[in-house]
Amino acid sequence: MHSYIIVYFDVRGRCEATRLMLADLGQPWEEEVVSFPTWQQGDLKKECVFGQLPLLKDGDFKLNQSNAILRYVARNHGLHGKKPQEEAYIDMIVDGVEDMRIKYVKMIYQNYEEGKAPYIEALPNDLKHFESFLSKNNGGKGFIVGDQISLADYCLLDILLVHLVLAPDCLKNFPLLAAYVQRLSARPNVKTFLESDAHKNRPLNGNGKQ
């Protein structure tokens, strides 16, 4: 029996994919919300391996780094593929999402006003790779890898939902991804989570953008 506690700022940020996974599993978790003044005091930062949040607690076990947290939870619940090839593809998609998230975070925090328009203009160059890969798995009608949901789906769903806030029409030329978002968002536990006050009231980012 796992007893998960997410220690993070009051933002969706790098924890929302984990929250989506836990919600879909029907797995309860707790939140320890860290204020920026508390973080700046430095005591919690010293406890984190790389001086960064998020931090996941599972009983006495503590883990930093958002993608490591995702993989840990996924492996605990059988959501990291059925065979080595699936595991490799899942990791590949997670890394692809990470590449996209790094670009997004840089724009949001460093160059929002001047960088938003060119970022949106270049967005299809990233989205097309996910659309293409999705099309090769059951014609794009199921999951991004294999025949059951995996951590790759939660990562991809999260980053797509984030970009639909930034650019609501960003999937208009990507019908498989658009249907994918609708399909996964309609999963009962995911739907309940996305409609919850906890999700809706939690800012996407820590600087008020979006």
Protein backbone atom coordinates (compact mmCIF):
# COMPACT_ATOMS: atom_id res chain seq x y z
CA MET A 1 0.00 0.00 0.00
CA HIS A 2 1.47 3.30 -1.07
CA SER A 3 1.03 6.58 0.78
CA TYR A 4 2.02 9.30 -1.67
CA ILE A 5 2.66 12.90 -0.68
CA ILE A 6 3.52 15.48 -3.35
CA VAL A 7 5.65 18.34 -2.05
CA TYR A 8 5.53 21.21 -4.52
CA PHE A 9 4.59 24.80 -5.12
CA ASP A 10 0.96 25.79 -5.68
CA VAL A 11 1.20 25.30 -9.45
CA ARG A 12 0.45 22.54 -11.94
CA GLY A 13 3.94 22.78 -13.40
CA ARG A 14 5.96 19.59 -13.32
CA CYS A 15 3.57 17.65 -11.08
CA GLU A 16 0.34 17.66 -13.06
CA ALA A 17 1.18 14.57 -15.10
CA THR A 18 1.76 12.65 -11.86
CA ARG A 19 -1.50 13.98 -10.46
CA LEU A 20 -3.32 12.89 -13.64
CA MET A 21 -1.88 9.40 -13.27
CA LEU A 22 -2.77 9.08 -9.61
CA ALA A 23 -6.27 10.43 -10.22
CA ASP A 24 -6.86 7.99 -13.08
CA LEU A 25 -5.66 5.11 -10.89
CA GLY A 26 -8.04 6.14 -8.13
CA GLN A 27 -4.96 6.33 -5.92
CA PRO A 28 -5.28 8.86 -3.08
CA TRP A 29 -2.43 11.25 -2.41
CA GLU A 30 -1.75 14.26 -0.23
CA GLU A 31 -0.31 17.63 -1.13
CA GLU A 32 2.23 19.58 0.90
CA VAL A 33 2.11 23.01 -0.68
CA VAL A 34 5.33 25.00 -0.40
CA SER A 35 5.16 28.78 -0.47
CA PHE A 36 7.92 30.70 -2.19
CA PRO A 37 8.96 32.46 1.06
CA THR A 38 9.28 29.04 2.74
CA TRP A 39 11.34 27.73 -0.17
CA GLN A 40 13.61 30.78 -0.07
CA GLN A 41 14.44 30.07 3.57
CA GLY A 42 16.49 27.18 2.23
CA ASP A 43 15.84 24.39 4.73
CA LEU A 44 13.67 22.30 2.41
CA LYS A 45 15.97 23.03 -0.53
CA LYS A 46 18.84 21.44 1.39
CA GLU A 47 16.80 18.24 1.75
CA CYS A 48 16.26 17.93 -2.02
CA VAL A 49 18.95 15.98 -3.87
CA PHE A 50 19.39 18.59 -6.62
CA GLY A 51 17.99 21.54 -4.68
CA GLN A 52 14.72 21.43 -6.63
CA LEU A 53 11.08 20.52 -6.24
CA PRO A 54 8.95 18.48 -6.76
CA LEU A 55 9.56 15.95 -4.05
CA LEU A 56 7.56 12.74 -3.69
CA LYS A 57 7.23 10.98 -0.36
CA ASP A 58 6.06 7.37 -0.19
CA GLY A 59 6.31 6.36 3.44
CA ASP A 60 9.97 6.72 4.36
CA PHE A 61 11.03 6.84 0.71
CA LYS A 62 11.75 10.27 -0.80
CA LEU A 63 12.36 11.01 -4.46
CA ASN A 64 13.19 14.15 -6.43
CA GLN A 65 13.06 14.95 -10.17
CA SER A 66 9.65 15.02 -11.84
CA ASN A 67 10.28 12.36 -14.49
CA ALA A 68 11.85 10.00 -11.96
CA ILE A 69 8.73 10.48 -9.84
CA LEU A 70 6.53 9.69 -12.82
CA ARG A 71 8.44 6.51 -13.60
CA TYR A 72 8.43 5.39 -9.98
CA VAL A 73 4.67 5.74 -9.66
CA ALA A 74 4.12 4.17 -13.08
CA ARG A 75 6.24 1.12 -12.23
CA ASN A 76 4.45 0.72 -8.92
CA HIS A 77 1.13 0.45 -10.77
CA GLY A 78 2.09 -1.39 -13.97
CA LEU A 79 1.98 1.65 -16.24
CA HIS A 80 5.49 1.52 -17.72
CA GLY A 81 4.94 -0.94 -20.54
CA LYS A 82 4.55 -4.69 -20.85
CA LYS A 83 7.90 -5.44 -22.50
CA PRO A 84 11.29 -3.75 -23.01
CA GLN A 85 10.36 -2.32 -26.39
CA GLU A 86 7.26 -0.65 -24.97
CA GLU A 87 9.25 0.66 -22.03
CA ALA A 88 11.76 2.17 -24.45
CA TYR A 89 9.05 3.85 -26.53
CA ILE A 90 7.41 5.19 -23.37
CA ASP A 91 10.72 6.67 -22.22
CA MET A 92 11.21 8.14 -25.69
CA ILE A 93 7.84 9.93 -25.57
CA VAL A 94 8.51 11.18 -22.05
CA ASP A 95 11.84 12.58 -23.24
CA GLY A 96 10.14 14.19 -26.24
CA VAL A 97 7.60 15.83 -23.96
CA GLU A 98 10.44 17.03 -21.74
CA ASP A 99 12.14 18.67 -24.71
CA MET A 100 8.89 20.46 -25.50
CA ARG A 101 8.36 21.47 -21.87
CA ILE A 102 11.83 22.99 -21.63
CA LYS A 103 11.07 25.23 -24.61
CA TYR A 104 7.70 26.17 -23.11
CA VAL A 105 9.15 26.97 -19.67
CA LYS A 106 11.90 29.10 -21.17
CA MET A 107 9.33 31.13 -23.11
CA ILE A 108 6.94 31.47 -20.14
CA TYR A 109 9.55 32.56 -17.63
CA GLN A 110 12.11 34.38 -19.75
CA ASN A 111 10.48 35.80 -22.86
CA TYR A 112 6.70 35.66 -22.63
CA GLU A 113 5.73 39.02 -24.08
CA GLU A 114 8.02 38.90 -27.11
CA GLY A 115 8.39 35.16 -27.40
CA LYS A 116 4.78 33.94 -27.26
CA ALA A 117 3.85 34.61 -30.90
CA PRO A 118 6.95 33.01 -32.48
CA TYR A 119 6.67 30.10 -30.04
CA ILE A 120 3.09 29.40 -31.14
CA GLU A 121 4.07 29.78 -34.77
CA ALA A 122 6.78 27.13 -34.37
CA LEU A 123 4.59 24.79 -32.30
CA PRO A 124 3.50 22.57 -35.23
CA ASN A 125 7.12 21.52 -35.66
CA ASP A 126 6.90 19.79 -32.27
CA LEU A 127 3.32 18.57 -32.48
CA LYS A 128 3.79 16.85 -35.83
CA HIS A 129 6.17 14.29 -34.32
CA PHE A 130 3.61 13.19 -31.72
CA GLU A 131 0.83 13.09 -34.33
CA SER A 132 2.97 10.91 -36.57
CA PHE A 133 3.97 8.50 -33.82
CA LEU A 134 0.40 8.23 -32.55
CA SER A 135 -0.82 7.37 -36.05
CA LYS A 136 1.41 4.29 -36.07
CA ASN A 137 -0.26 2.74 -33.03
CA ASN A 138 -3.71 1.37 -33.88
CA GLY A 139 -4.26 4.17 -36.36
CA GLY A 140 -4.05 6.75 -33.58
CA LYS A 141 -7.28 5.53 -32.01
CA GLY A 142 -5.86 4.35 -28.70
CA PHE A 143 -2.82 5.20 -26.65
CA ILE A 144 0.53 6.62 -27.65
CA VAL A 145 2.32 3.31 -26.89
CA GLY A 146 0.88 -0.19 -26.72
CA ASP A 147 -2.68 -1.22 -25.95
CA GLN A 148 -3.03 0.18 -22.43
CA ILE A 149 -2.52 3.58 -20.90
CA SER A 150 0.97 4.38 -19.66
CA LEU A 151 2.93 7.18 -18.09
CA ALA A 152 3.67 8.45 -21.62
CA ASP A 153 -0.03 9.21 -22.07
CA TYR A 154 -0.24 11.25 -18.89
CA CYS A 155 2.86 13.22 -19.87
CA LEU A 156 1.58 13.88 -23.36
CA LEU A 157 -1.95 14.71 -22.23
CA ASP A 158 -0.61 17.20 -19.69
CA ILE A 159 1.63 19.06 -22.14
CA LEU A 160 -1.15 19.17 -24.76
CA LEU A 161 -3.64 20.57 -22.23
CA VAL A 162 -1.09 23.21 -21.25
CA HIS A 163 -0.66 24.25 -24.86
CA LEU A 164 -4.39 24.35 -25.48
CA VAL A 165 -4.50 27.08 -22.85
CA LEU A 166 -1.65 28.94 -24.54
CA ALA A 167 -3.02 28.46 -28.07
CA PRO A 168 -6.58 27.05 -28.16
CA ASP A 169 -6.37 26.26 -31.90
CA CYS A 170 -2.99 24.57 -31.78
CA LEU A 171 -4.41 21.11 -32.57
CA LYS A 172 -6.69 22.14 -35.42
CA ASN A 173 -4.31 20.61 -37.98
CA PHE A 174 -3.61 17.55 -35.84
CA PRO A 175 -6.86 15.56 -35.76
CA LEU A 176 -5.41 12.49 -34.08
CA LEU A 177 -3.96 14.52 -31.21
CA ALA A 178 -7.18 16.50 -30.86
CA ALA A 179 -9.22 13.29 -30.61
CA TYR A 180 -6.60 11.82 -28.26
CA VAL A 181 -6.98 14.72 -25.83
CA GLN A 182 -10.77 14.38 -25.89
CA ARG A 183 -10.59 10.61 -25.43
CA LEU A 184 -8.19 10.63 -22.50
CA SER A 185 -9.86 13.62 -20.85
CA ALA A 186 -13.16 11.70 -20.92
CA ARG A 187 -11.81 8.82 -18.83
CA PRO A 188 -14.07 8.97 -15.74
CA ASN A 189 -11.41 9.61 -13.10
CA VAL A 190 -9.46 11.96 -15.35
CA LYS A 191 -12.63 13.89 -16.17
CA THR A 192 -13.45 14.22 -12.47
CA PHE A 193 -9.94 15.45 -11.73
CA LEU A 194 -9.89 17.98 -14.58
CA GLU A 195 -13.24 19.35 -13.43
CA SER A 196 -12.19 19.55 -9.77
CA ASP A 197 -11.56 22.82 -7.99
CA ALA A 198 -8.14 21.53 -6.96
CA HIS A 199 -7.09 21.34 -10.61
CA LYS A 200 -8.92 24.39 -11.95
CA ASN A 201 -7.77 26.69 -9.14
CA ARG A 202 -4.14 25.63 -9.36
CA PRO A 203 -2.14 28.03 -11.60
CA LEU A 204 -0.30 26.56 -14.56
CA ASN A 205 2.87 28.47 -13.74
CA GLY A 206 4.42 30.36 -10.90
CA ASN A 207 4.70 33.75 -12.55
CA GLY A 208 1.04 34.39 -13.37
CA LYS A 209 1.44 33.80 -17.11
CA GLN A 210 -1.51 31.86 -18.56
